[in-house]
Amino acid sequence: MPFEIICGDITQVKADAIVNAANSALAPGGGVCGAIFRAAGFRELERACRAIGHCDTGQAVLTDGFALPARYIIHTVGPVWRGGGQNEELLLKSCYSSSLRLAADNGCQSIVFPLISSGIFGYPKKGAVEVAVNAIRTFLREREMRVFLAAYDQETALLGAEILKDNHFPV
């Protein structure tokens, strides 16, 4: 099965690439970003991110996975939710598509995403899941890759499963 929604700690998922919900400075943060920095090896990852320096909203950059069970970390900057009128949906979709292309370009066969922008960036969870599912589904129509969406809690995982079912995309 190419696409699966799971519930659990993204830093423990075995995949070729783990996606970090980053900030534009690629600086260590809280939430998913902080967990990834801690699990990967804080100093090494901070040094690698500092060498890259910046990532625009909707774009993605790549570092080594360091101590994670992944070869790579793909850092993508999601939009801050401002009510939906500031191209948030398009920017969020770009996060997923840019990350998937970068993974494919680097030979990845599997990737795990958090629910980008749904934490401190305030994107409504249902909308964030819908954007993720649609962007991933679009990519998988053209390319082969095993994709995981790691929900932090059971409620989000169930919401994701319902959206997948409603969109007639096999779980």
Protein backbone atom coordinates (compact mmCIF):
# COMPACT_ATOMS: atom_id res chain seq x y z
CA MET A 1 0.00 0.00 0.00
CA PRO A 2 1.58 3.32 -1.00
CA PHE A 3 -0.12 5.68 1.52
CA GLU A 4 -0.83 5.08 5.18
CA ILE A 5 -1.90 7.27 8.10
CA ILE A 6 -0.30 6.18 11.34
CA CYS A 7 -0.48 7.43 14.90
CA GLY A 8 2.75 7.83 16.80
CA ASP A 9 6.15 9.37 17.16
CA ILE A 10 7.44 10.45 13.75
CA THR A 11 11.05 10.13 14.94
CA GLN A 12 10.59 6.37 15.38
CA VAL A 13 9.22 5.63 11.91
CA LYS A 14 11.60 3.75 9.63
CA ALA A 15 11.56 5.55 6.29
CA ASP A 16 14.16 6.87 3.87
CA ALA A 17 13.15 10.44 4.69
CA ILE A 18 11.45 12.12 7.65
CA VAL A 19 9.87 15.51 7.04
CA ASN A 20 10.46 18.29 9.55
CA ALA A 21 7.86 21.03 9.93
CA ALA A 22 10.51 23.74 9.99
CA ASN A 23 10.64 27.50 10.36
CA SER A 24 12.17 29.63 7.61
CA ALA A 25 15.45 30.07 9.51
CA LEU A 26 15.74 26.27 9.88
CA ALA A 27 16.35 26.92 13.57
CA PRO A 28 15.48 24.39 16.28
CA GLY A 29 11.91 24.86 17.44
CA GLY A 30 9.23 23.20 19.49
CA GLY A 31 6.71 20.51 18.60
CA VAL A 32 7.67 18.18 15.76
CA CYS A 33 10.70 20.28 14.90
CA GLY A 34 12.09 20.08 18.44
CA ALA A 35 11.46 16.33 18.62
CA ILE A 36 13.29 15.77 15.33
CA PHE A 37 16.26 17.89 16.43
CA ARG A 38 16.52 15.98 19.72
CA ALA A 39 16.21 12.55 18.10
CA ALA A 40 18.58 13.32 15.21
CA GLY A 41 21.33 14.81 17.35
CA PHE A 42 20.81 18.44 18.18
CA ARG A 43 24.28 19.84 17.40
CA GLU A 44 24.79 17.97 14.16
CA LEU A 45 21.38 18.89 12.79
CA GLU A 46 21.67 22.49 13.92
CA ARG A 47 25.04 22.77 12.18
CA ALA A 48 23.65 21.28 8.95
CA CYS A 49 20.64 23.61 9.01
CA ARG A 50 22.81 26.65 9.71
CA ALA A 51 24.91 25.76 6.65
CA ILE A 52 21.75 25.87 4.49
CA GLY A 53 20.54 29.01 6.26
CA HIS A 54 17.00 29.55 5.01
CA CYS A 55 13.98 27.93 3.41
CA ASP A 56 11.00 29.78 1.96
CA THR A 57 7.42 28.90 2.89
CA GLY A 58 6.18 26.06 0.70
CA GLN A 59 9.69 24.93 -0.25
CA ALA A 60 11.86 22.08 1.05
CA VAL A 61 15.55 21.44 1.73
CA LEU A 62 17.42 18.29 2.71
CA THR A 63 19.94 17.29 5.39
CA ASP A 64 21.31 13.98 6.57
CA GLY A 65 19.16 12.04 9.02
CA PHE A 66 21.99 11.73 11.57
CA ALA A 67 20.77 9.54 14.49
CA LEU A 68 17.22 9.10 13.12
CA PRO A 69 16.15 5.81 11.52
CA ALA A 70 16.03 7.75 8.24
CA ARG A 71 18.73 8.54 5.73
CA TYR A 72 17.45 12.10 5.26
CA ILE A 73 15.49 14.86 6.94
CA ILE A 74 13.49 17.01 4.57
CA HIS A 75 12.75 20.41 6.10
CA THR A 76 9.71 22.25 4.79
CA VAL A 77 8.20 25.52 5.96
CA GLY A 78 4.44 25.49 6.21
CA PRO A 79 2.26 28.57 6.12
CA VAL A 80 0.96 30.29 9.22
CA TRP A 81 -2.86 30.20 9.17
CA ARG A 82 -4.24 33.71 8.72
CA GLY A 83 -7.85 32.81 8.02
CA GLY A 84 -7.43 31.20 4.59
CA GLY A 85 -7.11 34.29 2.41
CA GLN A 86 -3.31 34.44 2.19
CA ASN A 87 -2.67 31.48 -0.15
CA GLU A 88 -2.26 29.16 2.84
CA GLU A 89 -3.77 26.17 1.03
CA LEU A 90 -1.52 26.56 -2.02
CA LEU A 91 1.57 27.03 0.17
CA LEU A 92 0.71 23.98 2.28
CA LYS A 93 0.18 21.86 -0.83
CA SER A 94 3.56 23.05 -2.05
CA CYS A 95 5.17 21.82 1.18
CA TYR A 96 4.03 18.28 0.44
CA SER A 97 4.76 18.31 -3.28
CA SER A 98 8.20 19.95 -2.84
CA SER A 99 9.12 17.42 -0.15
CA LEU A 100 7.94 14.47 -2.23
CA ARG A 101 9.88 15.66 -5.30
CA LEU A 102 13.02 16.21 -3.21
CA ALA A 103 12.69 12.72 -1.74
CA ALA A 104 12.23 11.17 -5.18
CA ASP A 105 15.17 13.15 -6.59
CA ASN A 106 17.34 11.68 -3.81
CA GLY A 107 16.31 8.07 -4.42
CA CYS A 108 13.92 7.71 -1.49
CA GLN A 109 11.43 4.86 -1.62
CA SER A 110 9.62 5.93 1.57
CA ILE A 111 8.82 9.15 3.41
CA VAL A 112 6.98 10.10 6.60
CA PHE A 113 5.26 13.45 7.11
CA PRO A 114 3.88 15.18 10.16
CA LEU A 115 0.66 17.13 9.68
CA ILE A 116 2.41 20.30 8.52
CA SER A 117 1.24 23.69 9.87
CA SER A 118 -1.43 22.18 12.14
CA GLY A 119 0.43 22.87 15.38
CA ILE A 120 1.68 26.30 16.41
CA PHE A 121 1.14 27.62 12.85
CA GLY A 122 -2.61 27.20 13.50
CA TYR A 123 -3.82 25.57 10.27
CA PRO A 124 -7.17 23.85 11.02
CA LYS A 125 -6.58 20.09 11.29
CA LYS A 126 -9.35 18.99 8.94
CA GLY A 127 -8.15 21.36 6.23
CA ALA A 128 -4.53 20.38 6.82
CA VAL A 129 -5.38 16.68 6.45
CA GLU A 130 -7.36 17.35 3.27
CA VAL A 131 -4.47 19.26 1.71
CA ALA A 132 -2.00 16.53 2.72
CA VAL A 133 -4.16 13.72 1.33
CA ASN A 134 -4.77 15.53 -1.97
CA ALA A 135 -1.14 16.52 -2.48
CA ILE A 136 0.13 13.02 -1.68
CA ARG A 137 -2.54 11.40 -3.85
CA THR A 138 -1.59 13.65 -6.79
CA PHE A 139 2.07 12.71 -6.43
CA LEU A 140 1.33 8.98 -6.17
CA ARG A 141 -0.61 9.05 -9.44
CA GLU A 142 2.69 9.76 -11.21
CA ARG A 143 5.39 8.25 -8.97
CA GLU A 144 5.82 5.21 -6.78
CA MET A 145 6.74 5.78 -3.14
CA ARG A 146 5.60 4.54 0.26
CA VAL A 147 4.16 7.56 2.10
CA PHE A 148 3.21 7.81 5.76
CA LEU A 149 1.35 10.65 7.44
CA ALA A 150 2.19 10.45 11.15
CA ALA A 151 -0.61 11.85 13.28
CA TYR A 152 0.38 12.98 16.75
CA ASP A 153 -2.89 11.83 18.30
CA GLN A 154 -5.61 9.25 17.67
CA GLU A 155 -8.22 11.92 16.87
CA THR A 156 -6.12 13.25 13.97
CA ALA A 157 -5.37 9.72 12.73
CA LEU A 158 -9.11 8.91 12.67
CA LEU A 159 -9.86 12.20 10.89
CA GLY A 160 -7.22 11.32 8.30
CA ALA A 161 -8.63 7.83 7.78
CA GLU A 162 -12.12 9.30 7.27
CA ILE A 163 -10.85 11.84 4.72
CA LEU A 164 -8.98 9.10 2.85
CA LYS A 165 -12.13 6.99 2.77
CA ASP A 166 -14.25 9.95 1.61
CA ASN A 167 -11.76 10.64 -1.17
CA HIS A 168 -11.86 6.99 -2.30
CA PHE A 169 -8.16 6.57 -1.77
CA PRO A 170 -7.20 3.17 -0.33
CA VAL A 171 -5.80 3.24 3.20
